[in-house]
Amino acid sequence: MPGYQVITKAVRDEAPKWDGFAQKAEQIRRAVEAATLGQSAFFAGDPVVLMIGSLAEAIDATLHQRMYETYRAHVHNLLAGAKAEFEQIADAVVRIAETYERQEEIGELSFKEIYGEMPK
């Protein structure tokens, strides 16, 4: 339409920002994925005490290792979801710009049908 135009470039310029967020989330997700720790990483006792036997259950690092792994897996899943969400936002921003452009074309065609060719 003469004298009116939606500036979709500004809308499109947002998409790379969200793609960048997705890439950063993926980098962090890979680091978290590799951050597994074995049971020995949680042992803070004296190995000599382990030989006694009755105290072995009291200083067992299995519980701590399981808790760490549960939390690590949770963060890993959140980051995987964040990557997907950021990519979807980037795609949505581009679709918004395309929709504005299509609607502008439709509006321009409608005015041409009503008023004929308009001077530029």
N, C-alpha and C. Protein backbone atom coordinates (compact mmCIF):
# COMPACT_ATOMS: atom_id res chain seq x y z
N MET A 1 0.84 -1.17 0.00
CA MET A 1 0.00 0.00 0.00
C MET A 1 0.89 1.24 0.00
N PRO A 2 0.53 2.20 -0.79
CA PRO A 2 1.33 3.43 -0.80
C PRO A 2 1.33 4.10 0.56
N GLY A 3 2.50 4.49 1.01
CA GLY A 3 2.61 5.20 2.26
C GLY A 3 2.60 4.33 3.51
N TYR A 4 2.45 3.04 3.32
CA TYR A 4 2.39 2.15 4.50
C TYR A 4 3.14 0.87 4.20
N GLN A 5 4.04 0.50 5.10
CA GLN A 5 4.76 -0.75 4.92
C GLN A 5 5.23 -1.24 6.29
N VAL A 6 4.98 -2.49 6.57
CA VAL A 6 5.47 -3.10 7.81
C VAL A 6 6.96 -3.37 7.61
N ILE A 7 7.77 -2.97 8.56
CA ILE A 7 9.22 -3.20 8.47
C ILE A 7 9.52 -4.58 9.05
N THR A 8 9.56 -5.57 8.18
CA THR A 8 9.77 -6.94 8.65
C THR A 8 11.25 -7.26 8.88
N LYS A 9 12.14 -6.41 8.37
CA LYS A 9 13.56 -6.65 8.60
C LYS A 9 13.87 -6.66 10.09
N ALA A 10 13.27 -5.73 10.82
CA ALA A 10 13.49 -5.67 12.27
C ALA A 10 13.00 -6.94 12.95
N VAL A 11 11.88 -7.47 12.46
CA VAL A 11 11.36 -8.72 13.02
C VAL A 11 12.31 -9.87 12.68
N ARG A 12 12.72 -9.94 11.42
CA ARG A 12 13.64 -11.01 11.00
C ARG A 12 14.99 -10.95 11.73
N ASP A 13 15.43 -9.75 12.06
CA ASP A 13 16.72 -9.59 12.76
C ASP A 13 16.72 -10.25 14.14
N GLU A 14 15.55 -10.53 14.69
CA GLU A 14 15.45 -11.20 15.99
C GLU A 14 15.78 -12.69 15.90
N ALA A 15 15.52 -13.32 14.77
CA ALA A 15 15.69 -14.77 14.64
C ALA A 15 17.11 -15.24 14.94
N PRO A 16 18.15 -14.60 14.39
CA PRO A 16 19.51 -15.06 14.70
C PRO A 16 19.86 -15.02 16.19
N LYS A 17 19.27 -14.04 16.90
CA LYS A 17 19.53 -13.96 18.35
C LYS A 17 19.06 -15.24 19.03
N TRP A 18 17.86 -15.72 18.66
CA TRP A 18 17.32 -16.92 19.28
C TRP A 18 18.07 -18.17 18.81
N ASP A 19 18.53 -18.18 17.57
CA ASP A 19 19.38 -19.29 17.12
C ASP A 19 20.67 -19.32 17.93
N GLY A 20 21.21 -18.14 18.24
CA GLY A 20 22.42 -18.07 19.07
C GLY A 20 22.18 -18.62 20.47
N PHE A 21 21.02 -18.30 21.04
CA PHE A 21 20.67 -18.86 22.35
C PHE A 21 20.59 -20.39 22.28
N ALA A 22 20.04 -20.89 21.19
CA ALA A 22 19.93 -22.35 21.02
C ALA A 22 21.32 -22.98 20.95
N GLN A 23 22.23 -22.35 20.24
CA GLN A 23 23.60 -22.88 20.14
C GLN A 23 24.30 -22.87 21.49
N LYS A 24 24.12 -21.80 22.24
CA LYS A 24 24.73 -21.73 23.58
C LYS A 24 24.14 -22.80 24.50
N ALA A 25 22.83 -22.97 24.44
CA ALA A 25 22.19 -24.00 25.27
C ALA A 25 22.71 -25.38 24.90
N GLU A 26 22.94 -25.62 23.61
CA GLU A 26 23.46 -26.92 23.16
C GLU A 26 24.89 -27.14 23.66
N GLN A 27 25.71 -26.10 23.64
CA GLN A 27 27.08 -26.23 24.15
C GLN A 27 27.08 -26.60 25.63
N ILE A 28 26.23 -25.93 26.39
CA ILE A 28 26.14 -26.21 27.82
C ILE A 28 25.57 -27.60 28.05
N ARG A 29 24.57 -27.99 27.24
CA ARG A 29 23.97 -29.32 27.37
C ARG A 29 25.01 -30.40 27.17
N ARG A 30 25.88 -30.23 26.16
CA ARG A 30 26.94 -31.22 25.92
C ARG A 30 27.90 -31.30 27.09
N ALA A 31 28.22 -30.15 27.69
CA ALA A 31 29.12 -30.15 28.86
C ALA A 31 28.46 -30.86 30.04
N VAL A 32 27.18 -30.61 30.26
CA VAL A 32 26.46 -31.26 31.36
C VAL A 32 26.33 -32.76 31.09
N GLU A 33 26.11 -33.12 29.83
CA GLU A 33 26.00 -34.54 29.48
C GLU A 33 27.28 -35.29 29.83
N ALA A 34 28.41 -34.63 29.66
CA ALA A 34 29.70 -35.26 29.93
C ALA A 34 30.12 -35.15 31.40
N ALA A 35 29.33 -34.50 32.22
CA ALA A 35 29.71 -34.23 33.61
C ALA A 35 29.26 -35.34 34.55
N THR A 36 29.32 -36.57 34.11
CA THR A 36 28.95 -37.68 35.00
C THR A 36 30.09 -37.93 35.98
N LEU A 37 29.74 -38.37 37.16
CA LEU A 37 30.73 -38.68 38.19
C LEU A 37 30.43 -40.06 38.76
N GLY A 38 31.47 -40.81 39.00
CA GLY A 38 31.31 -42.12 39.61
C GLY A 38 31.14 -42.01 41.11
N GLN A 39 30.80 -43.12 41.71
CA GLN A 39 30.56 -43.16 43.15
C GLN A 39 31.78 -42.71 43.94
N SER A 40 32.97 -43.04 43.45
CA SER A 40 34.19 -42.69 44.19
C SER A 40 34.36 -41.17 44.32
N ALA A 41 33.76 -40.40 43.44
CA ALA A 41 33.87 -38.95 43.51
C ALA A 41 33.17 -38.39 44.74
N PHE A 42 32.28 -39.17 45.33
CA PHE A 42 31.49 -38.69 46.47
C PHE A 42 31.97 -39.28 47.80
N PHE A 43 32.99 -40.09 47.75
CA PHE A 43 33.51 -40.68 48.97
C PHE A 43 34.38 -39.67 49.70
N ALA A 44 34.08 -39.42 50.96
CA ALA A 44 34.84 -38.46 51.74
C ALA A 44 35.31 -39.07 53.05
N GLY A 45 35.39 -40.36 53.09
CA GLY A 45 35.78 -41.03 54.32
C GLY A 45 37.20 -41.55 54.28
N ASP A 46 37.58 -42.20 55.33
CA ASP A 46 38.90 -42.81 55.46
C ASP A 46 38.79 -44.26 54.98
N PRO A 47 39.57 -44.66 53.98
CA PRO A 47 39.48 -46.03 53.48
C PRO A 47 39.69 -47.09 54.57
N VAL A 48 40.45 -46.76 55.60
CA VAL A 48 40.68 -47.72 56.68
C VAL A 48 39.38 -48.01 57.41
N VAL A 49 38.52 -47.00 57.55
CA VAL A 49 37.25 -47.17 58.24
C VAL A 49 36.38 -48.16 57.48
N LEU A 50 36.50 -48.19 56.17
CA LEU A 50 35.70 -49.11 55.37
C LEU A 50 35.96 -50.58 55.73
N MET A 51 37.14 -50.86 56.21
CA MET A 51 37.48 -52.24 56.54
C MET A 51 36.74 -52.73 57.78
N ILE A 52 36.24 -51.84 58.58
CA ILE A 52 35.50 -52.23 59.78
C ILE A 52 34.20 -52.92 59.39
N GLY A 53 33.57 -52.46 58.31
CA GLY A 53 32.39 -53.14 57.82
C GLY A 53 31.09 -52.55 58.32
N SER A 54 30.92 -52.38 59.61
CA SER A 54 29.65 -51.87 60.13
C SER A 54 29.45 -50.40 59.79
N LEU A 55 30.54 -49.68 59.60
CA LEU A 55 30.43 -48.27 59.23
C LEU A 55 30.34 -48.08 57.72
N ALA A 56 30.54 -49.14 56.98
CA ALA A 56 30.57 -49.03 55.52
C ALA A 56 29.27 -48.45 54.97
N GLU A 57 28.14 -48.90 55.52
CA GLU A 57 26.86 -48.38 55.03
C GLU A 57 26.68 -46.91 55.42
N ALA A 58 27.22 -46.50 56.54
CA ALA A 58 27.04 -45.14 57.03
C ALA A 58 27.75 -44.11 56.15
N ILE A 59 28.83 -44.52 55.53
CA ILE A 59 29.58 -43.57 54.70
C ILE A 59 29.52 -43.95 53.22
N ASP A 60 28.48 -44.66 52.84
CA ASP A 60 28.29 -45.08 51.45
C ASP A 60 28.01 -43.86 50.57
N ALA A 61 28.75 -43.72 49.51
CA ALA A 61 28.61 -42.58 48.61
C ALA A 61 27.56 -42.82 47.52
N THR A 62 26.94 -43.98 47.51
CA THR A 62 25.98 -44.31 46.46
C THR A 62 24.81 -43.33 46.43
N LEU A 63 24.28 -43.01 47.60
CA LEU A 63 23.15 -42.08 47.66
C LEU A 63 23.52 -40.73 47.06
N HIS A 64 24.69 -40.21 47.42
CA HIS A 64 25.12 -38.92 46.91
C HIS A 64 25.34 -38.97 45.40
N GLN A 65 25.88 -40.06 44.94
CA GLN A 65 26.11 -40.22 43.50
C GLN A 65 24.77 -40.26 42.76
N ARG A 66 23.80 -40.98 43.28
CA ARG A 66 22.48 -41.06 42.65
C ARG A 66 21.80 -39.69 42.63
N MET A 67 21.90 -38.97 43.73
CA MET A 67 21.29 -37.64 43.79
C MET A 67 21.94 -36.70 42.78
N TYR A 68 23.26 -36.75 42.69
CA TYR A 68 23.97 -35.92 41.71
C TYR A 68 23.51 -36.28 40.30
N GLU A 69 23.46 -37.57 40.01
CA GLU A 69 23.09 -38.01 38.66
C GLU A 69 21.65 -37.61 38.33
N THR A 70 20.76 -37.70 39.30
CA THR A 70 19.38 -37.29 39.08
C THR A 70 19.31 -35.81 38.72
N TYR A 71 20.04 -35.00 39.46
CA TYR A 71 20.05 -33.56 39.19
C TYR A 71 20.74 -33.25 37.86
N ARG A 72 21.87 -33.91 37.59
CA ARG A 72 22.59 -33.70 36.33
C ARG A 72 21.69 -34.04 35.15
N ALA A 73 20.97 -35.16 35.23
CA ALA A 73 20.07 -35.57 34.15
C ALA A 73 18.93 -34.55 33.99
N HIS A 74 18.44 -34.03 35.10
CA HIS A 74 17.37 -33.03 35.05
C HIS A 74 17.85 -31.77 34.32
N VAL A 75 19.02 -31.28 34.68
CA VAL A 75 19.56 -30.08 34.03
C VAL A 75 19.81 -30.36 32.54
N HIS A 76 20.32 -31.54 32.25
CA HIS A 76 20.56 -31.94 30.86
C HIS A 76 19.26 -31.88 30.06
N ASN A 77 18.18 -32.40 30.62
CA ASN A 77 16.89 -32.39 29.93
C ASN A 77 16.35 -30.97 29.76
N LEU A 78 16.55 -30.13 30.78
CA LEU A 78 16.11 -28.73 30.67
C LEU A 78 16.84 -28.02 29.53
N LEU A 79 18.13 -28.26 29.43
CA LEU A 79 18.93 -27.61 28.38
C LEU A 79 18.54 -28.12 27.00
N ALA A 80 18.25 -29.41 26.89
CA ALA A 80 17.80 -29.95 25.61
C ALA A 80 16.47 -29.30 25.22
N GLY A 81 15.59 -29.11 26.19
CA GLY A 81 14.33 -28.45 25.93
C GLY A 81 14.52 -26.98 25.57
N ALA A 82 15.48 -26.33 26.23
CA ALA A 82 15.74 -24.92 25.94
C ALA A 82 16.22 -24.76 24.50
N LYS A 83 17.10 -25.64 24.07
CA LYS A 83 17.59 -25.57 22.69
C LYS A 83 16.42 -25.67 21.72
N ALA A 84 15.55 -26.63 21.93
CA ALA A 84 14.39 -26.82 21.05
C ALA A 84 13.47 -25.59 21.09
N GLU A 85 13.23 -25.06 22.27
CA GLU A 85 12.35 -23.89 22.41
C GLU A 85 12.95 -22.67 21.71
N PHE A 86 14.24 -22.44 21.89
CA PHE A 86 14.87 -21.29 21.25
C PHE A 86 14.81 -21.40 19.73
N GLU A 87 15.02 -22.62 19.21
CA GLU A 87 14.92 -22.82 17.77
C GLU A 87 13.49 -22.56 17.28
N GLN A 88 12.52 -22.98 18.07
CA GLN A 88 11.12 -22.75 17.70
C GLN A 88 10.79 -21.25 17.71
N ILE A 89 11.34 -20.52 18.68
CA ILE A 89 11.11 -19.07 18.73
C ILE A 89 11.71 -18.41 17.49
N ALA A 90 12.93 -18.81 17.12
CA ALA A 90 13.58 -18.25 15.93
C ALA A 90 12.72 -18.51 14.69
N ASP A 91 12.22 -19.73 14.55
CA ASP A 91 11.36 -20.06 13.41
C ASP A 91 10.06 -19.25 13.44
N ALA A 92 9.50 -19.08 14.62
CA ALA A 92 8.25 -18.32 14.76
C ALA A 92 8.44 -16.86 14.37
N VAL A 93 9.58 -16.29 14.73
CA VAL A 93 9.85 -14.90 14.38
C VAL A 93 9.90 -14.73 12.86
N VAL A 94 10.54 -15.68 12.18
CA VAL A 94 10.59 -15.62 10.72
C VAL A 94 9.18 -15.77 10.13
N ARG A 95 8.39 -16.70 10.68
CA ARG A 95 7.01 -16.88 10.19
C ARG A 95 6.16 -15.64 10.42
N ILE A 96 6.40 -14.95 11.53
CA ILE A 96 5.67 -13.70 11.80
C ILE A 96 5.99 -12.68 10.70
N ALA A 97 7.28 -12.54 10.37
CA ALA A 97 7.66 -11.59 9.31
C ALA A 97 7.03 -11.99 7.98
N GLU A 98 7.05 -13.29 7.67
CA GLU A 98 6.44 -13.76 6.42
C GLU A 98 4.94 -13.49 6.40
N THR A 99 4.30 -13.69 7.53
CA THR A 99 2.85 -13.44 7.61
C THR A 99 2.54 -11.97 7.39
N TYR A 100 3.33 -11.08 8.02
CA TYR A 100 3.14 -9.64 7.79
C TYR A 100 3.28 -9.33 6.30
N GLU A 101 4.31 -9.90 5.67
CA GLU A 101 4.54 -9.62 4.24
C GLU A 101 3.39 -10.13 3.38
N ARG A 102 2.89 -11.32 3.67
CA ARG A 102 1.75 -11.86 2.91
C ARG A 102 0.51 -10.99 3.10
N GLN A 103 0.27 -10.61 4.35
CA GLN A 103 -0.91 -9.78 4.62
C GLN A 103 -0.80 -8.42 3.94
N GLU A 104 0.38 -7.90 3.88
CA GLU A 104 0.58 -6.62 3.21
C GLU A 104 0.29 -6.76 1.71
N GLU A 105 0.74 -7.86 1.12
CA GLU A 105 0.46 -8.11 -0.30
C GLU A 105 -1.05 -8.26 -0.53
N ILE A 106 -1.72 -8.98 0.36
CA ILE A 106 -3.17 -9.16 0.23
C ILE A 106 -3.88 -7.82 0.34
N GLY A 107 -3.48 -7.00 1.29
CA GLY A 107 -4.07 -5.68 1.46
C GLY A 107 -3.85 -4.80 0.23
N GLU A 108 -2.67 -4.87 -0.32
CA GLU A 108 -2.37 -4.08 -1.50
C GLU A 108 -3.22 -4.54 -2.68
N LEU A 109 -3.37 -5.85 -2.83
CA LEU A 109 -4.21 -6.38 -3.91
C LEU A 109 -5.65 -5.93 -3.73
N SER A 110 -6.16 -5.93 -2.50
CA SER A 110 -7.53 -5.51 -2.23
C SER A 110 -7.73 -4.05 -2.62
N PHE A 111 -6.80 -3.19 -2.29
CA PHE A 111 -6.92 -1.78 -2.65
C PHE A 111 -6.90 -1.61 -4.16
N LYS A 112 -6.09 -2.40 -4.85
CA LYS A 112 -6.05 -2.31 -6.30
C LYS A 112 -7.39 -2.71 -6.90
N GLU A 113 -8.02 -3.73 -6.32
CA GLU A 113 -9.33 -4.16 -6.81
C GLU A 113 -10.38 -3.06 -6.60
N ILE A 114 -10.29 -2.37 -5.48
CA ILE A 114 -11.28 -1.36 -5.15
C ILE A 114 -11.02 -0.05 -5.90
N TYR A 115 -9.77 0.40 -5.87
CA TYR A 115 -9.46 1.73 -6.40
C TYR A 115 -8.74 1.70 -7.74
N GLY A 116 -8.32 0.52 -8.19
CA GLY A 116 -7.53 0.46 -9.41
C GLY A 116 -6.07 0.73 -9.07
N GLU A 117 -5.27 0.91 -10.08
CA GLU A 117 -3.83 1.19 -9.86
C GLU A 117 -3.68 2.53 -9.17
N MET A 118 -2.84 2.53 -8.17
CA MET A 118 -2.62 3.75 -7.41
C MET A 118 -1.29 4.36 -7.84
N PRO A 119 -1.24 5.67 -7.91
CA PRO A 119 0.04 6.31 -8.27
C PRO A 119 1.06 6.08 -7.15
N LYS A 120 2.28 5.95 -7.55
CA LYS A 120 3.34 5.71 -6.57
C LYS A 120 4.04 6.98 -6.19
